[in-house]
C-alpha cells in the first residue's frame, strides 16, 4: 500500500511525532511510505501546491501526522487543509488516519477536527493513534504503535470507519445587517474584539457592529488578518525561559499590551473547515509565548460566531474547554442561526454584567482535567519551563493530593473506625447526617444574615 505521511510538525524531520511513522516504516518495508514535511514547507506549498497534489493523488492511505497544539492541530495543518480544499484534489474513497503526540491535553478535539475535515473530502476515515510524547521510548508505547498499524491495515479492508458528522442544511441564511442603536456609554472598562473578519464578510462585520452598539462600554477591534505574522508557532521552546518568541514580528509584545490588558475579550469569526480561517489558529498557537500560564484568569469572554454552530459539537467543546482551562467566565455565544439581534443584545449585556461583578464559576471537568495535565507536566519539566514553574508555584496550582496530609489521615481514621463492627452498627444511618451537617450550618448562617 502506498502511504503518504503529511508531517505537519514545524520541526520537520526533527519532530518526535513523525518518528512514530518512521518506526512503522522501518517495521513494514512491504508498504511504501512517502513523508512530506508540510509543516516546514507550508509557505512554499502556498505558492506551488502541485507537489502535494501529486502525492495526494497517488496515495492510497493518508496519515495526518502532527503534535497537538492548543486544542487542535497546528496552524500549519490548518493551512494545509485549506489548500487541499481550495485545490479541489479528489480524495474520495481514499483511506485516512492520523498519528499525534501530546500529553493528552484535548487530543480528542484535535482528532475530531481532522476526522471531520477528512469526511468532508469523502475519505474513509479510520480512528488514529493518540500517543504520549514519550510513548515511542518504551516498549508499551511501541507495542501500541504496532497494534495501531496492524489494526489500520485491517480496517482499510474491513472497516469500521468514522461516521461522518451530521451535515447542516444547504439553504443559505440571509446576510446579517446591523440594526441596533448605540447604547449610552459607561466608563472604566476596556473590551477588545479579536476577529479574522474577511473584507467581504458583511454578515460577521454586521454582528460585530451590532455588538459594539449594544455594549455599554467602549470596544476595540483587532483583525488578525492585518497582523504581519512571520509564521506559526515553531514549537522550539525558545520562549520557555524568557517568555520571548524567536520571531521578530512583535506578536508577543502586541499580545501583552493590546489584547491581554483588556477587561473583557470577544472572539468573532466565521466557521470554516470545522473551526475558522487559519489566521485565527496562528493567533492561538503563537500565544504559547505565555507557555502554559493562565495569565488572563478571571477575564470574562464572549463569542460572536457566524455559521452553523449547532452542527459543530467539536467546536462547541473547544469554545467551552478554552474558557474552562483559562479560568475565564464564558458570558455566552451569539450566532446568526436564530434571532441574531436578540442574541447579540443579550450577549453584550451578559459580558458587561460579568465585567462589572467580576463573575466566576467553579471549573467543570474540562477545566479541572485540563489543568491537572498541565500541573503535572510543568512540575516534571520545571527545569526547562522556568517561567511556567514560577507562575504555577506562586499561584498555588501545584495542588497535589499527597500534600493534603491532614485530610488523608482523617480518612484513614474514619476507615479504621468503620472497620469495627460495633461502630458500624452505631453509625448505621448516621453517616449521611454527619456529611451534610457542615452544609446545613452554611445555610443557617445565610438565613441569619451572618454570611
Protein backbone atom coordinates (compact mmCIF):
# COMPACT_ATOMS: atom_id res chain seq x y z
CA UNK A 1 0.00 0.00 0.00
CA UNK A 2 1.24 3.50 -0.80
CA UNK A 3 1.09 5.56 2.39
CA UNK A 4 1.52 9.34 2.39
CA UNK A 5 2.60 10.82 5.72
CA UNK A 6 1.71 14.51 5.98
CA UNK A 7 4.16 15.67 8.64
CA UNK A 8 2.68 18.96 9.86
CA UNK A 9 5.18 19.48 12.66
CA UNK A 10 7.13 22.72 12.14
CA UNK A 11 10.21 20.77 13.27
CA UNK A 12 10.16 18.58 10.16
CA UNK A 13 12.41 15.52 10.43
CA UNK A 14 13.31 16.57 14.00
CA UNK A 15 9.72 16.05 15.12
CA UNK A 16 9.12 13.47 17.83
CA UNK A 17 5.72 12.77 16.29
CA UNK A 18 6.94 11.81 12.83
CA UNK A 19 9.31 9.24 14.36
CA UNK A 20 6.32 7.04 15.15
CA UNK A 21 5.57 6.95 11.42
CA UNK A 22 9.26 6.33 10.66
CA UNK A 23 9.25 3.49 13.21
CA UNK A 24 6.30 1.88 11.45
CA UNK A 25 8.00 2.40 8.11
CA UNK A 26 11.07 0.55 9.36
CA UNK A 27 8.92 -2.38 10.50
CA UNK A 28 6.87 -2.60 7.30
CA UNK A 29 9.06 -2.48 4.18
CA UNK A 30 6.21 -4.18 2.31
CA UNK A 31 4.44 -0.81 2.28
CA UNK A 32 5.68 2.31 0.52
CA UNK A 33 5.90 5.32 2.84
CA UNK A 34 6.26 8.86 1.47
CA UNK A 35 6.85 11.61 4.06
CA UNK A 36 6.07 15.23 3.14
CA UNK A 37 7.32 17.92 5.57
CA UNK A 38 4.26 20.10 5.08
CA UNK A 39 4.76 21.84 8.43
CA UNK A 40 8.13 23.21 7.37
CA UNK A 41 7.21 23.90 3.74
CA UNK A 42 3.72 25.32 4.11
CA UNK A 43 4.75 28.71 2.69
CA UNK A 44 6.27 27.01 -0.36
CA UNK A 45 3.11 24.94 -0.88
CA UNK A 46 1.01 28.11 -0.74
CA UNK A 47 2.92 29.26 -3.84
CA UNK A 48 3.00 25.88 -5.58
CA UNK A 49 0.64 23.15 -4.44
CA UNK A 50 1.49 20.79 -7.29
CA UNK A 51 3.96 18.56 -5.34
CA UNK A 52 1.37 17.93 -2.62
CA UNK A 53 -1.39 17.34 -5.16
CA UNK A 54 0.68 14.73 -6.97
CA UNK A 55 1.41 12.78 -3.81
CA UNK A 56 -2.19 13.02 -2.61
CA UNK A 57 -3.48 11.65 -5.93
CA UNK A 58 -1.06 8.71 -5.88
CA UNK A 59 -1.54 7.76 -2.23
CA UNK A 60 -3.90 5.04 -1.09
CA UNK A 61 -3.68 5.84 2.63
CA UNK A 62 -3.03 9.33 4.00
CA UNK A 63 -1.63 9.68 7.52
CA UNK A 64 -2.00 13.10 9.11
CA UNK A 65 0.96 13.32 11.48
CA UNK A 66 1.26 16.23 13.92
CA UNK A 67 1.77 17.36 17.52
CA UNK A 68 -1.37 18.67 19.23
CA UNK A 69 -1.21 22.47 19.59
CA UNK A 70 -3.79 24.38 21.69
CA UNK A 71 -6.77 22.04 21.44
CA UNK A 72 -6.38 21.21 17.75
CA UNK A 73 -3.78 20.57 15.06
CA UNK A 74 -1.04 23.16 14.48
CA UNK A 75 -1.65 26.20 12.31
CA UNK A 76 0.44 24.57 9.57
CA UNK A 77 -2.03 21.67 9.35
CA UNK A 78 -4.98 24.04 9.29
CA UNK A 79 -3.42 25.92 6.41
CA UNK A 80 -2.72 22.65 4.58
CA UNK A 81 -6.37 21.61 4.86
CA UNK A 82 -7.41 24.98 3.43
CA UNK A 83 -5.03 24.45 0.50
CA UNK A 84 -6.31 20.90 -0.11
CA UNK A 85 -9.92 22.02 -0.20
CA UNK A 86 -9.17 25.09 -2.30
CA UNK A 87 -7.23 23.00 -4.84
CA UNK A 88 -10.11 20.59 -5.29
CA UNK A 89 -7.96 17.47 -5.48
CA UNK A 90 -10.21 14.40 -5.46
CA UNK A 91 -9.60 12.29 -2.34
CA UNK A 92 -12.92 10.46 -2.33
CA UNK A 93 -12.60 6.84 -1.31
CA UNK A 94 -9.02 7.12 -0.09
CA UNK A 95 -8.21 5.92 3.41
CA UNK A 96 -7.22 8.44 6.09
CA UNK A 97 -5.98 8.22 9.65
CA UNK A 98 -3.71 10.17 11.96
CA UNK A 99 -0.82 9.95 14.39
CA UNK A 100 -0.40 12.55 17.11
CA UNK A 101 1.77 13.06 20.14
CA UNK A 102 0.85 15.20 23.13
CA UNK A 103 0.33 14.97 26.88
CA UNK A 104 -3.31 14.14 26.03
CA UNK A 105 -4.45 17.72 26.62
CA UNK A 106 -7.54 17.90 24.40
CA UNK A 107 -6.14 15.42 21.91
CA UNK A 108 -9.75 14.31 21.37
CA UNK A 109 -10.74 17.67 19.85
CA UNK A 110 -7.67 17.63 17.61
CA UNK A 111 -8.52 14.16 16.30
CA UNK A 112 -12.14 15.05 15.68
CA UNK A 113 -11.09 18.15 13.77
CA UNK A 114 -9.03 16.04 11.35
CA UNK A 115 -11.73 13.37 11.12
CA UNK A 116 -14.42 15.92 10.27
CA UNK A 117 -12.35 17.51 7.52
CA UNK A 118 -11.41 14.14 6.05
CA UNK A 119 -15.09 13.20 5.99
CA UNK A 120 -15.77 16.47 4.14
CA UNK A 121 -13.35 15.25 1.47
CA UNK A 122 -15.19 11.95 1.11
CA UNK A 123 -12.40 9.87 2.62
CA UNK A 124 -12.76 6.60 4.54
CA UNK A 125 -11.57 7.67 7.98
CA UNK A 126 -10.08 5.23 10.47
CA UNK A 127 -9.54 6.11 14.10
CA UNK A 128 -5.99 7.36 14.71
CA UNK A 129 -3.25 6.91 17.29
CA UNK A 130 -3.00 9.47 20.10
CA UNK A 131 0.32 8.80 21.75
CA UNK A 132 2.07 10.38 24.67
CA UNK A 133 5.13 12.40 23.73
CA UNK A 134 7.42 9.69 25.15
CA UNK A 135 5.50 6.55 24.18
CA UNK A 136 7.91 5.55 21.43
CA UNK A 137 10.70 5.35 24.02
CA UNK A 138 9.09 2.49 25.97
CA UNK A 139 8.09 -0.99 24.92
CA UNK A 140 4.44 -0.48 25.85
CA UNK A 141 4.22 2.57 23.59
CA UNK A 142 5.95 0.78 20.72
CA UNK A 143 3.58 -2.17 21.11
CA UNK A 144 0.61 0.20 20.95
CA UNK A 145 2.04 1.76 17.79
CA UNK A 146 2.46 -1.68 16.22
CA UNK A 147 -1.08 -2.63 17.22
CA UNK A 148 -2.38 0.60 15.72
CA UNK A 149 -0.76 -0.07 12.38
CA UNK A 150 -1.96 -3.68 12.23
CA UNK A 151 -5.48 -2.52 13.01
CA UNK A 152 -5.16 0.31 10.48
CA UNK A 153 -4.27 -2.02 7.60
CA UNK A 154 -7.01 -4.46 8.66
CA UNK A 155 -9.57 -1.64 8.81
CA UNK A 156 -8.67 -0.46 5.32
CA UNK A 157 -10.06 -3.79 4.11
CA UNK A 158 -12.84 -4.40 6.60
CA UNK A 159 -13.70 -1.16 8.42
CA UNK A 160 -15.09 0.22 10.64
CA UNK A 161 -14.82 3.80 9.51
CA UNK A 162 -15.55 7.00 11.40
CA UNK A 163 -19.17 8.05 10.94
CA UNK A 164 -19.33 11.42 9.12
CA UNK A 165 -20.79 14.29 11.14
CA UNK A 166 -24.34 15.47 10.54
CA UNK A 167 -24.35 17.95 7.69
CA UNK A 168 -26.12 21.31 8.11
CA UNK A 169 -28.93 22.22 5.72
CA UNK A 170 -27.84 23.50 2.32
CA UNK A 171 -30.07 26.59 2.43
CA UNK A 172 -28.14 29.79 2.99
CA UNK A 173 -29.24 32.25 5.64
CA UNK A 174 -29.60 35.91 4.72
CA UNK A 175 -26.62 38.15 5.45
CA UNK A 176 -26.96 39.74 8.85
CA UNK A 177 -27.34 43.52 8.71
CA UNK A 178 -26.64 45.74 11.73
CA UNK A 179 -29.73 47.39 13.18
CA UNK A 180 -29.15 48.07 16.89
CA UNK A 181 -28.91 51.64 18.17
CA UNK A 182 -25.87 52.58 20.25
CA UNK A 183 -26.30 52.19 24.00
CA UNK A 184 -25.22 55.01 26.33
CA UNK A 185 -21.57 54.52 27.22
CA UNK A 186 -20.19 53.89 30.69
CA UNK A 187 -16.60 54.43 31.72
CA UNK A 188 -14.00 52.18 33.29
CA UNK A 189 -13.96 49.05 31.12
CA UNK A 190 -11.97 48.16 28.02
CA UNK A 191 -13.23 45.42 25.69
CA UNK A 192 -11.19 44.01 22.82
CA UNK A 193 -12.85 42.19 19.91
CA UNK A 194 -10.41 39.77 18.28
CA UNK A 195 -11.56 38.70 14.83
CA UNK A 196 -10.38 37.43 11.46
CA UNK A 197 -13.28 39.01 9.59
CA UNK A 198 -12.64 38.99 5.85
CA UNK A 199 -13.15 42.25 3.93
CA UNK A 200 -16.15 40.76 2.09
CA UNK A 201 -17.76 39.11 5.15
CA UNK A 202 -20.66 41.51 5.60
CA UNK A 203 -22.53 39.16 7.94
CA UNK A 204 -19.78 38.89 10.55
CA UNK A 205 -18.99 42.58 10.20
CA UNK A 206 -22.65 43.34 10.89
CA UNK A 207 -22.64 41.15 14.00
CA UNK A 208 -19.55 42.91 15.31
CA UNK A 209 -21.08 46.33 14.60
CA UNK A 210 -24.28 45.49 16.47
CA UNK A 211 -22.40 44.01 19.41
CA UNK A 212 -20.33 47.17 19.73
CA UNK A 213 -23.53 49.23 19.60
CA UNK A 214 -25.26 47.10 22.26
CA UNK A 215 -22.27 47.00 24.60
CA UNK A 216 -22.45 49.81 27.19
CA UNK A 217 -18.64 50.21 27.10
CA UNK A 218 -16.13 51.27 24.50
CA UNK A 219 -14.58 48.47 22.48
CA UNK A 220 -11.62 47.96 20.17
CA UNK A 221 -11.36 45.64 17.15
CA UNK A 222 -8.20 43.68 16.37
CA UNK A 223 -8.34 41.97 12.97
CA UNK A 224 -5.83 39.12 12.82
CA UNK A 225 -5.74 39.18 9.02
CA UNK A 226 -3.99 42.52 9.31
CA UNK A 227 -1.24 41.40 11.68
CA UNK A 228 2.09 40.64 9.93
CA UNK A 229 2.66 37.14 11.33
CA UNK A 230 6.06 35.78 10.32
CA UNK A 231 4.65 32.29 10.72
CA UNK A 232 3.02 29.79 13.04
CA UNK A 233 4.47 28.55 16.32
CA UNK A 234 7.65 26.55 15.75
CA UNK A 235 7.40 24.51 18.95
CA UNK A 236 11.01 25.44 19.63
CA UNK A 237 10.55 26.19 23.38
CA UNK A 238 12.68 29.28 22.93
CA UNK A 239 10.12 31.18 25.00
CA UNK A 240 10.08 28.61 27.82
CA UNK A 241 12.59 30.52 29.94
CA UNK A 242 12.38 34.14 28.79
CA UNK A 243 8.76 34.37 27.56
CA UNK A 244 10.08 35.96 24.34
CA UNK A 245 9.19 34.48 20.96
CA UNK A 246 12.01 33.77 18.50
CA UNK A 247 10.03 35.53 15.77
CA UNK A 248 10.75 39.23 15.33
CA UNK A 249 7.26 40.23 14.20
CA UNK A 250 6.41 41.70 17.62
CA UNK A 251 3.43 39.48 18.29
CA UNK A 252 4.33 38.67 21.90
CA UNK A 253 4.53 42.36 22.79
CA UNK A 254 1.35 43.10 20.81
CA UNK A 255 -0.49 40.30 22.62
CA UNK A 256 0.50 41.54 26.06
CA UNK A 257 -0.08 45.24 25.52
CA UNK A 258 -3.02 45.36 23.09
CA UNK A 259 -5.09 42.28 23.94
CA UNK A 260 -4.37 40.80 27.36
CA UNK A 261 -4.77 44.16 29.10
CA UNK A 262 -8.49 44.29 28.29
CA UNK A 263 -11.26 43.81 30.87
CA UNK A 264 -13.24 41.59 28.51
CA UNK A 265 -12.46 39.53 25.42
CA UNK A 266 -14.75 38.90 22.46
CA UNK A 267 -13.75 36.43 19.76
CA UNK A 268 -15.56 36.90 16.45
CA UNK A 269 -15.21 34.57 13.49
CA UNK A 270 -16.99 32.70 10.72
CA UNK A 271 -16.93 28.91 10.84
CA UNK A 272 -14.72 27.33 8.17
CA UNK A 273 -13.38 23.77 7.99
CA UNK A 274 -14.92 22.98 11.40
CA UNK A 275 -13.01 25.82 13.08
CA UNK A 276 -12.31 29.09 11.32
CA UNK A 277 -9.86 30.58 8.81
CA UNK A 278 -6.27 29.66 9.65
CA UNK A 279 -5.12 33.13 10.76
CA UNK A 280 -7.07 32.55 13.98
CA UNK A 281 -5.19 29.28 14.59
CA UNK A 282 -1.91 31.09 14.02
CA UNK A 283 -3.02 33.52 16.75
CA UNK A 284 -3.94 30.61 19.03
CA UNK A 285 -0.61 28.85 18.61
CA UNK A 286 1.56 31.93 18.89
CA UNK A 287 0.11 32.59 22.33
CA UNK A 288 2.45 29.84 23.50
CA UNK A 289 4.82 32.71 24.26
CA UNK A 290 2.81 32.67 27.52
CA UNK A 291 3.64 28.99 27.94
CA UNK A 292 1.02 27.16 29.98
CA UNK A 293 0.32 30.18 32.19
CA UNK A 294 -3.32 31.27 32.58
CA UNK A 295 -2.34 34.94 32.51
CA UNK A 296 -5.88 36.15 31.72
CA UNK A 297 -7.54 34.15 34.50
CA UNK A 298 -10.71 35.89 35.63
CA UNK A 299 -11.26 37.93 32.46
CA UNK A 300 -14.73 37.20 31.01
CA UNK A 301 -15.03 36.22 27.36
CA UNK A 302 -17.76 36.08 24.73
CA UNK A 303 -18.07 34.76 21.18
CA UNK A 304 -19.69 36.03 18.00
CA UNK A 305 -19.85 33.14 15.53
CA UNK A 306 -21.27 33.19 12.03
CA UNK A 307 -22.17 29.78 10.64
CA UNK A 308 -23.84 26.51 11.56
CA UNK A 309 -22.60 26.39 15.15
CA UNK A 310 -25.32 23.98 16.26
CA UNK A 311 -23.87 21.37 13.85
CA UNK A 312 -20.33 21.72 15.25
CA UNK A 313 -20.18 19.78 18.56
CA UNK A 314 -16.39 19.62 18.49
CA UNK A 315 -16.10 23.37 18.06
CA UNK A 316 -18.54 23.88 20.93
CA UNK A 317 -16.34 21.68 23.11
CA UNK A 318 -13.28 23.73 22.17
CA UNK A 319 -15.02 27.02 22.98
CA UNK A 320 -16.13 25.79 26.39
CA UNK A 321 -12.87 23.98 27.13
CA UNK A 322 -10.74 27.04 26.41
CA UNK A 323 -12.77 29.14 28.80
CA UNK A 324 -12.65 26.48 31.50
CA UNK A 325 -8.89 25.85 31.30
CA UNK A 326 -8.13 29.57 31.13
CA UNK A 327 -10.31 30.37 34.11
CA UNK A 328 -12.39 32.77 32.01
CA UNK A 329 -16.08 33.33 32.69
CA UNK A 330 -17.88 32.41 29.44
CA UNK A 331 -20.56 35.06 29.02
CA UNK A 332 -22.07 33.25 26.06
CA UNK A 333 -22.07 32.71 22.30
CA UNK A 334 -24.18 34.65 19.80
CA UNK A 335 -24.67 33.17 16.33
CA UNK A 336 -26.57 34.09 13.18
CA UNK A 337 -28.67 30.90 13.32
CA UNK A 338 -31.76 32.27 15.08
CA UNK A 339 -32.82 35.66 16.45
CA UNK A 340 -29.36 37.12 15.99
CA UNK A 341 -30.26 40.63 17.11
CA UNK A 342 -31.68 39.39 20.41
CA UNK A 343 -28.71 37.07 20.96
CA UNK A 344 -26.22 39.88 20.36
CA UNK A 345 -28.03 42.27 22.68
CA UNK A 346 -28.21 39.62 25.41
CA UNK A 347 -24.54 38.70 24.97
CA UNK A 348 -23.45 42.32 25.30
CA UNK A 349 -25.48 42.71 28.49
CA UNK A 350 -24.09 39.46 29.93
CA UNK A 351 -20.50 40.46 29.22
CA UNK A 352 -21.00 43.87 30.80
CA UNK A 353 -22.59 42.28 33.88
CA UNK A 354 -19.75 39.76 34.16
CA UNK A 355 -17.11 42.50 33.99
CA UNK A 356 -18.88 44.75 36.49
CA UNK A 357 -19.43 41.96 39.02
CA UNK A 358 -16.17 40.05 38.46
CA UNK A 359 -18.13 36.86 37.90
CA UNK A 360 -16.51 33.46 38.30
CA UNK A 361 -17.75 29.89 38.32
CA UNK A 362 -16.11 26.67 39.50
CA UNK A 363 -14.28 24.79 36.77
CA UNK A 364 -16.01 21.76 35.33
CA UNK A 365 -14.32 18.59 34.04
CA UNK A 366 -12.91 20.42 31.01
CA UNK A 367 -11.11 22.89 33.26
CA UNK A 368 -10.14 20.64 36.16
CA UNK A 369 -8.91 17.81 33.94
CA UNK A 370 -7.00 20.11 31.61
CA UNK A 371 -5.20 21.95 34.38
CA UNK A 372 -4.21 18.73 36.16
CA UNK A 373 -2.44 17.64 32.97
CA UNK A 374 -0.61 20.97 32.82
CA UNK A 375 0.14 20.88 36.55
CA UNK A 376 1.88 17.51 36.32
CA UNK A 377 3.65 18.41 33.07
CA UNK A 378 5.14 21.66 34.36
CA UNK A 379 6.17 20.13 37.67
CA UNK A 380 8.20 17.47 35.86
CA UNK A 381 9.62 19.92 33.29
CA UNK A 382 10.22 22.81 35.70
CA UNK A 383 13.93 22.85 34.86
CA UNK A 384 13.11 23.83 31.26
CA UNK A 385 9.79 25.66 31.65
CA UNK A 386 11.05 28.03 34.32
CA UNK A 387 8.52 30.80 33.69
CA UNK A 388 5.63 28.32 33.87
CA UNK A 389 7.02 26.75 37.05
CA UNK A 390 7.37 30.12 38.76
CA UNK A 391 3.80 31.04 37.79
CA UNK A 392 2.33 27.71 38.93
CA UNK A 393 4.20 27.85 42.22
CA UNK A 394 3.16 31.43 43.03
CA UNK A 395 -0.49 30.83 42.10
CA UNK A 396 -0.94 27.62 44.10
CA UNK A 397 -1.56 25.44 41.05
CA UNK A 398 0.60 22.66 42.47
CA UNK A 399 -2.35 21.24 44.44
CA UNK A 400 -1.14 17.66 44.53
CA UNK A 401 -3.42 15.40 46.63
CA UNK A 402 -0.48 13.95 48.57
CA UNK A 403 0.01 17.38 50.11
CA UNK A 404 -3.35 17.08 51.88
CA UNK A 405 -1.83 15.09 54.75
CA UNK A 406 -4.43 16.11 57.33
CA UNK A 407 -7.29 15.03 55.08
CA UNK A 408 -5.58 11.74 54.26
CA UNK A 409 -5.09 10.88 57.95
CA UNK A 410 -8.69 11.85 58.72
CA UNK A 411 -9.94 9.41 56.07
CA UNK A 412 -7.62 6.70 57.39
CA UNK A 413 -9.01 7.20 60.89
CA UNK A 414 -12.60 7.08 59.65
CA UNK A 415 -11.83 3.96 57.61
CA UNK A 416 -10.23 2.25 60.60
CA UNK A 417 -13.19 3.08 62.84
CA UNK A 418 -15.74 1.93 60.29
CA UNK A 419 -13.96 -1.41 60.06
CA UNK A 420 -15.00 -2.13 63.70
CA UNK A 421 -18.37 -4.00 63.66
CA UNK A 422 -19.71 -2.27 66.80
CA UNK A 423 -19.01 1.19 65.35
CA UNK A 424 -20.53 0.16 62.04
CA UNK A 425 -23.72 -0.71 63.89
CA UNK A 426 -23.79 2.60 65.78
CA UNK A 427 -23.06 4.63 62.64
CA UNK A 428 -25.71 2.93 60.55
CA UNK A 429 -28.00 5.60 59.10
CA UNK A 430 -25.99 8.46 60.64
CA UNK A 431 -23.22 8.79 58.06
CA UNK A 432 -25.31 10.92 55.73
CA UNK A 433 -26.29 13.22 58.60
CA UNK A 434 -22.63 13.67 59.55
CA UNK A 435 -21.66 14.50 55.98
CA UNK A 436 -24.42 17.05 55.44
CA UNK A 437 -24.01 18.75 58.83
CA UNK A 438 -21.45 21.37 57.75
CA UNK A 439 -23.59 22.27 54.72
CA UNK A 440 -26.63 22.83 56.90
CA UNK A 441 -24.57 25.19 59.04
CA UNK A 442 -23.69 27.30 55.99
CA UNK A 443 -27.37 27.58 55.04
CA UNK A 444 -28.33 28.55 58.61
CA UNK A 445 -25.70 31.28 58.63
CA UNK A 446 -27.06 32.66 55.37
CA UNK A 447 -30.60 32.72 56.80
CA UNK A 448 -29.42 34.59 59.86
CA UNK A 449 -27.58 37.18 57.79
CA UNK A 450 -24.14 36.17 59.03
CA UNK A 451 -22.93 35.13 55.54
